[in-house]
Amino acid sequence: MKKIFFVLTVSFFLILIVNLAWIGLNLYLITKDGIQSLLQGRNLLESIYYSVYLRWILLTDVLWMGLAFTFVLRNKHYKTDSLLHYLHYHPMESPSICVIIPTYNEELSIGKVVRDFFNQRFVKYVIVIDNNSSDNTVNIAANSGAKVIKKNTNMGYSHSLVMGLREALGTDANIIATTEADGTYNAYDIEKMTPYLDNCDMVIGTRQHQIITEKGNQNSIMHVLGNYFLAKLIQIKYFNLQHMGVVNLSDVGCVFRLIRRESLETLTQQLTHPNSDRAIGGVGIGLYFTMIGIENNLRIIEIPITFNKRIGLSKIESNKPLKAIKIGFTFLWIILAY
């Protein structure tokens, strides 16, 4: 199935480019030579209709649609096992949450973030994984009550996230949460996310609802549309006819999520490369985490969360258009390749 999805997606973009190029070229020719062609007795539209190139393009389009139809039929009943993929009620007894916060030079926000999470009634632990910050992040986090693990070198966000997840399994928490250190997420959203774990294994936030986001946040039009497009591409990858996919997503870039402990235990070894602590996906670890969850039959739901303007500067510079495009292509490759 993954191979068919890969071929379908890559060929779709290639065919789209060819079709758009063909339409654009002929619109240009009509605009440039249409009137002159009519005066000379030539029928430009007729020339287009009988074009050999057009015939090949149409044939390719039809073949692609046939392959897409085959993909749909093959996935008609994909992940529709009544025991694994439908309603399940397993209430959380005495929720106890461990929050994982990767950091790098977040002294402006980390104290408030840690305190806000500790103020939530189910939060018992906050673990900060620091990427060798050069500012006062470590001291502020520790003074705010967090357990801090400081790395000697900056191994990146994804490495810290996986390290934090494994560290959380060393506690007695039955729910693990992941979030950011820059103040963009509100700790109080844990209150509305936790109840979904009675029916699900993982609850993911989405920042796509305008009325519960702060005006001026870092989600530009490019981020919103890009996240939505990639989210729907994941749905297509895990498509079935009955429910248009086993999961409904709109935001692949959101890392604020909760997962049941027993579910996380089945995934931690799959988040890194074999015989290595290097996380798979790099900056795209969040969407890879979601995909691995789907493939391991975790029940996953996405719900709206509040979203604030970032405190301080983006460490991956996703606010810069070229950097955002590069990250977007990284996300796309993860969806296609894994």
Protein backbone atom coordinates (compact mmCIF):
# COMPACT_ATOMS: atom_id res chain seq x y z
CA MET A 1 0.00 0.00 0.00
CA LYS A 2 2.81 2.44 0.86
CA LYS A 3 4.41 1.92 -2.56
CA ILE A 4 1.15 2.64 -4.35
CA PHE A 5 0.62 5.75 -2.22
CA PHE A 6 4.16 6.94 -2.98
CA VAL A 7 3.71 6.43 -6.73
CA LEU A 8 0.28 8.06 -6.69
CA THR A 9 1.45 11.14 -4.82
CA VAL A 10 4.65 11.75 -6.77
CA SER A 11 2.97 11.11 -10.13
CA PHE A 12 0.09 13.40 -9.17
CA PHE A 13 2.44 16.35 -8.70
CA LEU A 14 4.29 15.59 -11.94
CA ILE A 15 1.06 15.25 -13.91
CA LEU A 16 -0.30 18.42 -12.30
CA ILE A 17 2.78 20.36 -13.39
CA VAL A 18 2.50 19.01 -16.96
CA ASN A 19 -1.22 19.83 -17.16
CA LEU A 20 -0.75 23.34 -15.80
CA ALA A 21 2.19 23.95 -18.13
CA TRP A 22 0.11 22.78 -21.11
CA ILE A 23 -2.83 25.00 -20.16
CA GLY A 24 -0.57 27.97 -19.51
CA LEU A 25 1.29 27.57 -22.79
CA ASN A 26 -1.90 27.38 -24.81
CA LEU A 27 -3.48 30.31 -23.04
CA TYR A 28 -0.37 32.26 -23.92
CA LEU A 29 -0.58 31.18 -27.56
CA ILE A 30 -4.27 32.06 -27.75
CA THR A 31 -3.58 35.47 -26.26
CA LYS A 32 -0.56 36.08 -28.50
CA ASP A 33 -1.56 34.51 -31.80
CA GLY A 34 -5.31 33.87 -31.58
CA ILE A 35 -6.56 36.89 -33.49
CA GLN A 36 -3.76 36.65 -36.04
CA SER A 37 -4.47 32.95 -36.55
CA LEU A 38 -8.14 33.68 -37.20
CA LEU A 39 -7.24 36.34 -39.75
CA GLN A 40 -4.98 33.85 -41.52
CA GLY A 41 -7.72 31.21 -41.57
CA ARG A 42 -6.20 28.91 -38.94
CA ASN A 43 -8.26 27.45 -36.14
CA LEU A 44 -6.02 27.52 -33.06
CA LEU A 45 -8.44 25.62 -30.84
CA GLU A 46 -8.69 22.89 -33.42
CA SER A 47 -4.91 22.65 -33.53
CA ILE A 48 -4.87 22.20 -29.75
CA TYR A 49 -7.60 19.55 -29.91
CA TYR A 50 -5.69 17.42 -32.39
CA SER A 51 -2.34 17.85 -30.66
CA VAL A 52 -0.32 14.65 -30.12
CA TYR A 53 0.95 16.10 -26.84
CA LEU A 54 -2.58 16.59 -25.58
CA ARG A 55 -3.41 12.98 -26.37
CA TRP A 56 -0.46 11.75 -24.32
CA ILE A 57 -1.37 14.07 -21.45
CA LEU A 58 -4.97 12.85 -21.43
CA LEU A 59 -3.83 9.22 -21.59
CA THR A 60 -1.54 9.80 -18.61
CA ASP A 61 -4.39 11.47 -16.69
CA VAL A 62 -6.68 8.50 -17.35
CA LEU A 63 -4.02 5.99 -16.26
CA TRP A 64 -3.44 7.95 -13.05
CA MET A 65 -7.16 7.99 -12.29
CA GLY A 66 -7.27 4.25 -12.84
CA LEU A 67 -4.41 3.76 -10.37
CA ALA A 68 -6.16 6.05 -7.87
CA PHE A 69 -9.38 4.04 -8.26
CA THR A 70 -7.42 0.85 -7.59
CA PHE A 71 -5.95 2.42 -4.44
CA VAL A 72 -9.44 3.36 -3.23
CA LEU A 73 -10.80 -0.14 -3.81
CA ARG A 74 -7.85 -1.81 -2.10
CA ASN A 75 -8.31 0.41 0.94
CA LYS A 76 -12.08 0.12 1.19
CA HIS A 77 -11.85 -1.76 4.48
CA TYR A 78 -8.41 -0.53 5.62
CA LYS A 79 -8.22 -0.29 9.42
CA THR A 80 -11.90 -1.01 10.03
CA ASP A 81 -11.50 -3.81 12.56
CA SER A 82 -14.30 -3.35 15.10
CA LEU A 83 -12.00 -4.29 17.99
CA LEU A 84 -9.16 -1.95 17.04
CA HIS A 85 -10.55 1.03 15.18
CA TYR A 86 -13.99 1.81 16.55
CA LEU A 87 -15.58 2.91 19.81
CA HIS A 88 -13.69 1.82 22.88
CA TYR A 89 -14.23 2.91 26.48
CA HIS A 90 -11.32 2.49 28.86
CA PRO A 91 -11.55 5.28 31.46
CA MET A 92 -8.40 6.71 32.95
CA GLU A 93 -8.26 5.83 36.64
CA SER A 94 -6.67 8.64 38.68
CA PRO A 95 -4.95 10.54 35.82
CA SER A 96 -1.32 11.36 36.52
CA ILE A 97 0.50 13.40 33.88
CA CYS A 98 4.19 13.82 33.08
CA VAL A 99 4.89 16.80 30.79
CA ILE A 100 7.93 16.75 28.48
CA ILE A 101 9.39 20.12 27.42
CA PRO A 102 12.44 20.26 25.10
CA THR A 103 14.29 23.57 25.48
CA TYR A 104 17.03 25.63 23.91
CA ASN A 105 17.64 29.21 25.10
CA GLU A 106 14.08 29.76 26.37
CA GLU A 107 14.82 31.80 29.51
CA LEU A 108 12.10 34.33 28.64
CA SER A 109 9.29 31.78 28.76
CA ILE A 110 10.34 28.54 30.47
CA GLY A 111 9.57 29.61 34.04
CA LYS A 112 5.97 30.55 33.27
CA VAL A 113 5.46 27.44 31.11
CA VAL A 114 6.67 25.08 33.85
CA ARG A 115 4.62 26.79 36.57
CA ASP A 116 1.49 26.83 34.40
CA PHE A 117 1.68 23.09 33.84
CA PHE A 118 2.31 22.37 37.52
CA ASN A 119 -0.85 24.37 38.28
CA GLN A 120 -2.97 21.84 36.38
CA ARG A 121 -4.59 19.35 38.72
CA PHE A 122 -3.47 16.16 36.96
CA VAL A 123 0.15 17.21 36.30
CA LYS A 124 2.56 15.45 38.65
CA TYR A 125 5.88 15.76 36.78
CA VAL A 126 7.46 18.27 34.41
CA ILE A 127 10.67 17.15 32.71
CA VAL A 128 12.77 19.67 30.78
CA ILE A 129 15.27 18.27 28.28
CA ASP A 130 17.73 21.06 27.57
CA ASN A 131 19.77 21.21 24.37
CA ASN A 132 22.83 22.81 26.00
CA SER A 133 21.33 26.29 26.36
CA SER A 134 23.76 29.17 26.68
CA ASP A 135 21.34 31.37 28.65
CA ASN A 136 19.65 30.87 32.04
CA THR A 137 17.01 28.36 30.86
CA VAL A 138 18.27 25.46 32.99
CA ASN A 139 18.36 27.38 36.27
CA ILE A 140 14.96 28.98 35.73
CA ALA A 141 13.37 25.61 34.85
CA ALA A 142 14.89 23.93 37.89
CA ASN A 143 13.86 26.76 40.22
CA SER A 144 10.31 26.47 38.86
CA GLY A 145 10.16 22.83 39.98
CA ALA A 146 10.98 20.92 36.82
CA LYS A 147 13.36 18.00 36.60
CA VAL A 148 16.03 19.19 34.17
CA ILE A 149 18.23 17.00 32.00
CA LYS A 150 20.94 19.10 30.40
CA LYS A 151 22.73 17.69 27.36
CA ASN A 152 26.35 18.55 26.66
CA THR A 153 25.67 19.20 22.98
CA ASN A 154 22.67 20.42 21.01
CA MET A 155 21.27 17.25 19.43
CA GLY A 156 18.10 18.92 18.18
CA TYR A 157 14.45 19.06 19.20
CA SER A 158 13.55 15.56 18.04
CA HIS A 159 16.38 13.96 20.03
CA SER A 160 15.23 15.82 23.16
CA LEU A 161 11.61 14.83 22.61
CA VAL A 162 12.39 11.12 22.36
CA MET A 163 14.76 11.33 25.33
CA GLY A 164 12.01 12.99 27.33
CA LEU A 165 9.43 10.37 26.36
CA ARG A 166 11.73 7.59 27.55
CA GLU A 167 12.52 9.48 30.73
CA ALA A 168 8.79 9.89 31.39
CA LEU A 169 8.34 6.12 31.29
CA GLY A 170 10.62 6.00 34.33
CA THR A 171 7.97 7.81 36.36
CA ASP A 172 4.65 6.41 37.59
CA ALA A 173 2.64 8.76 35.36
CA ASN A 174 -0.09 7.07 33.30
CA ILE A 175 -0.34 9.94 30.80
CA ILE A 176 2.57 11.56 28.96
CA ALA A 177 2.25 15.05 27.46
CA THR A 178 4.58 16.80 25.02
CA THR A 179 4.63 20.54 24.48
CA GLU A 180 6.82 23.51 23.52
CA ALA A 181 8.82 25.81 25.77
CA ASP A 182 8.00 29.06 23.98
CA GLY A 183 4.62 29.74 25.58
CA THR A 184 2.58 29.11 22.44
CA TYR A 185 0.45 26.43 24.11
CA ASN A 186 -1.74 26.91 27.17
CA ALA A 187 -1.39 24.38 29.98
CA TYR A 188 -5.09 24.65 30.84
CA ASP A 189 -5.97 22.83 27.58
CA ILE A 190 -4.86 19.63 29.32
CA GLU A 191 -8.19 19.74 31.17
CA LYS A 192 -10.17 19.30 27.95
CA MET A 193 -7.72 16.90 26.29
CA THR A 194 -7.51 14.37 29.12
CA PRO A 195 -11.15 13.11 28.99
CA TYR A 196 -10.69 11.98 25.38
CA LEU A 197 -8.20 9.40 26.61
CA ASP A 198 -11.15 7.44 28.00
CA ASN A 199 -11.89 6.54 24.37
CA CYS A 200 -8.54 7.07 22.68
CA ASP A 201 -4.83 6.36 23.01
CA MET A 202 -3.50 9.71 21.80
CA VAL A 203 -5.01 13.20 21.73
CA ILE A 204 -3.40 15.75 19.40
CA GLY A 205 -4.06 19.48 19.30
CA THR A 206 -4.90 21.52 16.23
CA ARG A 207 -4.19 25.25 15.95
CA GLN A 208 -6.39 25.79 12.89
CA HIS A 209 -9.35 27.47 14.62
CA GLN A 210 -9.05 31.24 14.40
CA ILE A 211 -11.33 32.16 17.29
CA ILE A 212 -9.16 30.35 19.85
CA THR A 213 -5.80 31.60 18.57
CA GLU A 214 -4.11 34.86 19.50
CA LYS A 215 -3.92 37.37 16.67
CA GLY A 216 -0.38 37.79 15.39
CA ASN A 217 0.78 34.25 16.17
CA GLN A 218 3.45 32.66 13.99
CA ASN A 219 1.04 30.57 11.90
CA SER A 220 1.10 32.53 8.66
CA ILE A 221 -1.11 31.71 5.67
CA MET A 222 1.71 29.50 4.39
CA HIS A 223 1.84 27.57 7.67
CA VAL A 224 -1.93 27.15 7.90
CA LEU A 225 -2.40 25.95 4.31
CA GLY A 226 0.75 23.82 4.36
CA ASN A 227 -0.19 22.09 7.61
CA TYR A 228 -3.72 21.46 6.36
CA PHE A 229 -2.54 20.05 3.02
CA LEU A 230 -0.01 17.70 4.64
CA ALA A 231 -2.56 16.62 7.24
CA LYS A 232 -5.02 15.63 4.52
CA LEU A 233 -2.23 13.80 2.69
CA ILE A 234 -1.72 11.66 5.82
CA GLN A 235 -5.46 10.95 5.81
CA ILE A 236 -5.24 9.78 2.22
CA LYS A 237 -2.30 7.57 3.10
CA TYR A 238 -4.44 5.82 5.71
CA PHE A 239 -7.61 6.09 3.64
CA ASN A 240 -10.71 3.96 3.82
CA LEU A 241 -14.03 4.53 2.06
CA GLN A 242 -16.25 4.26 5.09
CA HIS A 243 -14.84 7.18 7.08
CA MET A 244 -12.37 8.82 4.67
CA GLY A 245 -9.53 7.52 6.79
CA VAL A 246 -8.91 6.13 10.25
CA VAL A 247 -7.98 9.61 11.55
CA ASN A 248 -9.15 13.15 10.82
CA LEU A 249 -6.29 15.68 10.84
CA SER A 250 -5.84 19.35 10.02
CA ASP A 251 -2.51 20.34 11.62
CA VAL A 252 0.67 18.23 11.32
CA GLY A 253 2.91 20.81 13.00
CA CYS A 254 1.29 20.74 16.44
CA VAL A 255 3.39 18.89 19.04
CA PHE A 256 1.05 19.50 21.99
CA ARG A 257 -0.42 16.05 22.64
CA LEU A 258 -1.27 13.51 25.31
CA ILE A 259 -0.70 9.77 25.07
CA ARG A 260 -1.54 6.91 27.39
CA ARG A 261 1.49 5.33 29.02
CA GLU A 262 0.81 1.80 27.76
CA SER A 263 0.46 3.14 24.21
CA LEU A 264 3.74 5.06 24.40
CA GLU A 265 5.52 1.91 25.58
CA THR A 266 4.68 0.26 22.25
CA LEU A 267 6.14 3.15 20.23
CA THR A 268 9.33 4.42 21.84
CA GLN A 269 11.64 1.96 20.07
CA GLN A 270 10.12 2.91 16.72
CA LEU A 271 10.86 6.62 17.09
CA THR A 272 14.61 6.21 16.56
CA HIS A 273 16.77 4.56 13.94
CA PRO A 274 17.82 0.96 14.72
CA ASN A 275 20.67 0.72 17.25
CA SER A 276 20.74 4.50 17.59
CA ASP A 277 19.30 7.30 19.71
CA ARG A 278 18.86 9.47 16.59
CA ALA A 279 15.17 10.29 16.19
CA ILE A 280 13.44 9.58 12.89
CA GLY A 281 11.96 12.59 11.14
CA GLY A 282 14.10 15.32 12.65
CA VAL A 283 12.01 18.48 12.71
CA GLY A 284 9.07 16.35 11.56
CA ILE A 285 9.13 14.06 14.60
CA GLY A 286 5.59 15.13 15.53
CA LEU A 287 3.92 13.98 12.34
CA TYR A 288 6.08 10.82 12.30
CA PHE A 289 4.89 10.16 15.87
CA THR A 290 1.30 10.41 14.59
CA MET A 291 1.94 8.10 11.63
CA ILE A 292 3.63 5.45 13.78
CA GLY A 293 0.68 5.64 16.14
CA ILE A 294 -1.76 5.02 13.30
CA GLU A 295 0.27 2.10 11.97
CA ASN A 296 0.32 0.55 15.46
CA ASN A 297 -3.48 0.79 15.65
CA LEU A 298 -3.60 3.53 18.24
CA ARG A 299 -6.90 5.35 18.47
CA ILE A 300 -6.00 8.96 17.68
CA ILE A 301 -8.16 12.05 17.77
CA GLU A 302 -7.36 15.69 17.01
CA ILE A 303 -9.13 18.44 18.95
CA PRO A 304 -8.98 22.28 18.85
CA ILE A 305 -6.58 23.94 21.28
CA THR A 306 -5.75 27.56 22.06
CA PHE A 307 -2.61 29.06 20.56
CA ASN A 308 -0.56 32.11 21.58
CA LYS A 309 2.11 34.30 20.06
CA ARG A 310 5.58 32.90 20.66
CA ILE A 311 7.72 34.35 23.44
CA GLY A 312 11.20 34.94 22.04
CA LEU A 313 12.58 33.86 18.65
CA SER A 314 11.96 30.67 16.72
CA LYS A 315 14.98 28.37 17.00
CA ILE A 316 14.26 26.59 13.70
CA GLU A 317 13.38 29.91 11.98
CA SER A 318 10.11 28.58 10.60
CA ASN A 319 8.89 32.18 10.37
CA LYS A 320 11.22 32.70 7.39
CA PRO A 321 9.50 31.73 4.09
CA LEU A 322 12.41 29.78 2.59
CA LYS A 323 13.01 27.91 5.85
CA ALA A 324 9.30 27.16 6.14
CA ILE A 325 9.24 25.76 2.59
CA LYS A 326 12.26 23.57 3.38
CA ILE A 327 10.55 22.24 6.50
CA GLY A 328 7.39 21.64 4.48
CA PHE A 329 9.28 19.49 1.98
CA THR A 330 10.87 17.59 4.89
CA PHE A 331 7.39 16.87 6.22
CA LEU A 332 6.25 15.78 2.76
CA TRP A 333 9.18 13.38 2.42
CA ILE A 334 8.43 11.81 5.81
CA ILE A 335 4.82 11.20 4.74
CA LEU A 336 5.92 9.63 1.46
CA ALA A 337 8.93 7.64 2.65
CA TYR A 338 7.85 6.16 5.99
